[in-house]
Amino acid sequence: MTVERSGFQSGARRHAVVIGAGAVGSATAIEALRAGLRVTVVPPGEPAAPQATSSGHAR
């Protein structure tokens, strides 16, 4: 077994979870994909709901 300095096995693909699918979450997910990570995007609730992260940005 070969272990890299970061503590991950060589060949193992790291996984990122991005909470929020708005502009910032989507951009973060794209950059994580470009960096070679596996990405899961989790929208926190209904789109444009009052608790949505980006709901206040359009006001």
N, C-alpha and C. Protein backbone atom coordinates (compact mmCIF):
# COMPACT_ATOMS: atom_id res chain seq x y z
N MET A 1 0.85 -1.18 0.00
CA MET A 1 0.00 0.00 0.00
C MET A 1 0.89 1.23 0.00
N THR A 2 0.64 2.13 -0.94
CA THR A 2 1.39 3.38 -1.01
C THR A 2 0.50 4.50 -0.49
N VAL A 3 1.04 5.30 0.39
CA VAL A 3 0.28 6.41 0.96
C VAL A 3 0.98 7.70 0.60
N GLU A 4 0.23 8.65 0.05
CA GLU A 4 0.81 9.95 -0.29
C GLU A 4 0.93 10.80 0.96
N ARG A 5 1.63 11.90 0.83
CA ARG A 5 1.85 12.80 1.98
C ARG A 5 0.54 13.31 2.56
N SER A 6 -0.50 13.46 1.73
CA SER A 6 -1.76 13.99 2.23
C SER A 6 -2.52 12.98 3.08
N GLY A 7 -2.06 11.72 3.09
CA GLY A 7 -2.73 10.71 3.88
C GLY A 7 -3.70 9.87 3.08
N PHE A 8 -3.87 10.16 1.80
CA PHE A 8 -4.76 9.39 0.95
C PHE A 8 -3.98 8.32 0.23
N GLN A 9 -4.62 7.19 -0.05
CA GLN A 9 -3.97 6.16 -0.83
C GLN A 9 -3.74 6.68 -2.24
N SER A 10 -2.62 6.29 -2.83
CA SER A 10 -2.39 6.74 -4.19
C SER A 10 -3.43 6.10 -5.09
N GLY A 11 -3.94 6.86 -6.02
CA GLY A 11 -4.99 6.38 -6.90
C GLY A 11 -6.39 6.58 -6.36
N ALA A 12 -6.51 6.86 -5.07
CA ALA A 12 -7.83 7.10 -4.49
C ALA A 12 -8.31 8.47 -4.91
N ARG A 13 -9.56 8.58 -5.29
CA ARG A 13 -10.11 9.85 -5.74
C ARG A 13 -10.81 10.52 -4.57
N ARG A 14 -10.43 11.75 -4.28
CA ARG A 14 -11.03 12.48 -3.16
C ARG A 14 -12.41 12.96 -3.54
N HIS A 15 -13.24 13.21 -2.54
CA HIS A 15 -14.64 13.56 -2.75
C HIS A 15 -14.96 14.84 -1.98
N ALA A 16 -15.60 15.78 -2.67
CA ALA A 16 -16.03 17.02 -2.03
C ALA A 16 -17.55 17.08 -2.05
N VAL A 17 -18.12 17.61 -0.99
CA VAL A 17 -19.56 17.84 -0.94
C VAL A 17 -19.76 19.35 -0.84
N VAL A 18 -20.52 19.89 -1.80
CA VAL A 18 -20.80 21.33 -1.85
C VAL A 18 -22.26 21.52 -1.45
N ILE A 19 -22.48 22.31 -0.41
CA ILE A 19 -23.84 22.58 0.04
C ILE A 19 -24.28 23.90 -0.58
N GLY A 20 -25.32 23.82 -1.39
CA GLY A 20 -25.84 24.99 -2.09
C GLY A 20 -25.56 24.86 -3.57
N ALA A 21 -26.57 25.11 -4.38
CA ALA A 21 -26.43 24.96 -5.83
C ALA A 21 -26.60 26.29 -6.54
N GLY A 22 -26.38 27.38 -5.82
CA GLY A 22 -26.46 28.71 -6.43
C GLY A 22 -25.18 29.02 -7.19
N ALA A 23 -24.96 30.29 -7.44
CA ALA A 23 -23.79 30.71 -8.22
C ALA A 23 -22.48 30.30 -7.56
N VAL A 24 -22.35 30.54 -6.28
CA VAL A 24 -21.10 30.22 -5.58
C VAL A 24 -20.92 28.70 -5.46
N GLY A 25 -21.97 27.99 -5.10
CA GLY A 25 -21.88 26.54 -4.98
C GLY A 25 -21.55 25.87 -6.30
N SER A 26 -22.18 26.35 -7.38
CA SER A 26 -21.92 25.78 -8.71
C SER A 26 -20.49 26.05 -9.16
N ALA A 27 -20.02 27.27 -8.94
CA ALA A 27 -18.65 27.62 -9.32
C ALA A 27 -17.65 26.79 -8.50
N THR A 28 -17.94 26.60 -7.23
CA THR A 28 -17.07 25.80 -6.37
C THR A 28 -17.03 24.36 -6.86
N ALA A 29 -18.18 23.82 -7.21
CA ALA A 29 -18.26 22.45 -7.70
C ALA A 29 -17.47 22.29 -9.00
N ILE A 30 -17.59 23.25 -9.90
CA ILE A 30 -16.86 23.19 -11.17
C ILE A 30 -15.35 23.20 -10.93
N GLU A 31 -14.90 24.08 -10.05
CA GLU A 31 -13.46 24.14 -9.76
C GLU A 31 -12.97 22.87 -9.08
N ALA A 32 -13.79 22.28 -8.22
CA ALA A 32 -13.40 21.02 -7.57
C ALA A 32 -13.29 19.91 -8.62
N LEU A 33 -14.22 19.89 -9.58
CA LEU A 33 -14.14 18.91 -10.67
C LEU A 33 -12.87 19.11 -11.48
N ARG A 34 -12.55 20.35 -11.78
CA ARG A 34 -11.34 20.64 -12.54
C ARG A 34 -10.08 20.21 -11.79
N ALA A 35 -10.16 20.24 -10.46
CA ALA A 35 -9.02 19.82 -9.63
C ALA A 35 -8.94 18.30 -9.49
N GLY A 36 -9.92 17.59 -10.08
CA GLY A 36 -9.88 16.13 -10.06
C GLY A 36 -10.65 15.48 -8.93
N LEU A 37 -11.43 16.25 -8.19
CA LEU A 37 -12.22 15.67 -7.11
C LEU A 37 -13.54 15.14 -7.64
N ARG A 38 -14.08 14.16 -6.95
CA ARG A 38 -15.47 13.74 -7.17
C ARG A 38 -16.31 14.74 -6.43
N VAL A 39 -17.45 15.15 -6.98
CA VAL A 39 -18.24 16.21 -6.35
C VAL A 39 -19.70 15.80 -6.23
N THR A 40 -20.27 16.09 -5.06
CA THR A 40 -21.70 15.96 -4.83
C THR A 40 -22.21 17.32 -4.44
N VAL A 41 -23.24 17.81 -5.14
CA VAL A 41 -23.84 19.11 -4.82
C VAL A 41 -25.17 18.84 -4.12
N VAL A 42 -25.34 19.43 -2.94
CA VAL A 42 -26.54 19.23 -2.15
C VAL A 42 -27.29 20.55 -2.03
N PRO A 43 -28.43 20.68 -2.72
CA PRO A 43 -29.21 21.89 -2.53
C PRO A 43 -29.89 21.81 -1.16
N PRO A 44 -29.85 22.89 -0.38
CA PRO A 44 -30.35 22.82 0.98
C PRO A 44 -31.88 22.72 1.10
N GLY A 45 -32.61 23.00 0.07
CA GLY A 45 -34.07 22.94 0.14
C GLY A 45 -34.66 23.23 -1.22
N GLU A 46 -35.89 23.69 -1.23
CA GLU A 46 -36.56 24.04 -2.47
C GLU A 46 -35.84 25.20 -3.14
N PRO A 47 -35.76 25.21 -4.48
CA PRO A 47 -35.14 26.34 -5.17
C PRO A 47 -35.86 27.65 -4.86
N ALA A 48 -35.12 28.69 -4.61
CA ALA A 48 -35.63 30.03 -4.31
C ALA A 48 -36.49 30.09 -3.06
N ALA A 49 -36.35 29.12 -2.18
CA ALA A 49 -37.08 29.15 -0.91
C ALA A 49 -36.50 30.23 -0.01
N PRO A 50 -37.26 30.72 0.95
CA PRO A 50 -36.76 31.79 1.82
C PRO A 50 -35.46 31.45 2.55
N GLN A 51 -35.22 30.17 2.85
CA GLN A 51 -34.00 29.79 3.56
C GLN A 51 -32.83 29.55 2.61
N ALA A 52 -33.06 29.65 1.29
CA ALA A 52 -31.98 29.42 0.32
C ALA A 52 -30.86 30.45 0.51
N THR A 53 -29.66 30.01 0.34
CA THR A 53 -28.51 30.87 0.56
C THR A 53 -28.55 32.12 -0.30
N SER A 54 -28.94 31.97 -1.57
CA SER A 54 -28.91 33.09 -2.49
C SER A 54 -30.24 33.85 -2.58
N SER A 55 -31.20 33.54 -1.75
CA SER A 55 -32.52 34.18 -1.88
C SER A 55 -32.45 35.70 -1.62
N GLY A 56 -31.57 36.14 -0.77
CA GLY A 56 -31.47 37.56 -0.46
C GLY A 56 -30.65 38.36 -1.47
N HIS A 57 -29.95 37.68 -2.34
CA HIS A 57 -29.06 38.38 -3.28
C HIS A 57 -29.82 39.12 -4.36
N ALA A 58 -31.01 38.70 -4.70
CA ALA A 58 -31.76 39.31 -5.80
C ALA A 58 -32.66 40.43 -5.31
N ARG A 59 -32.66 40.71 -4.06
CA ARG A 59 -33.58 41.74 -3.53
C ARG A 59 -32.96 43.10 -3.53
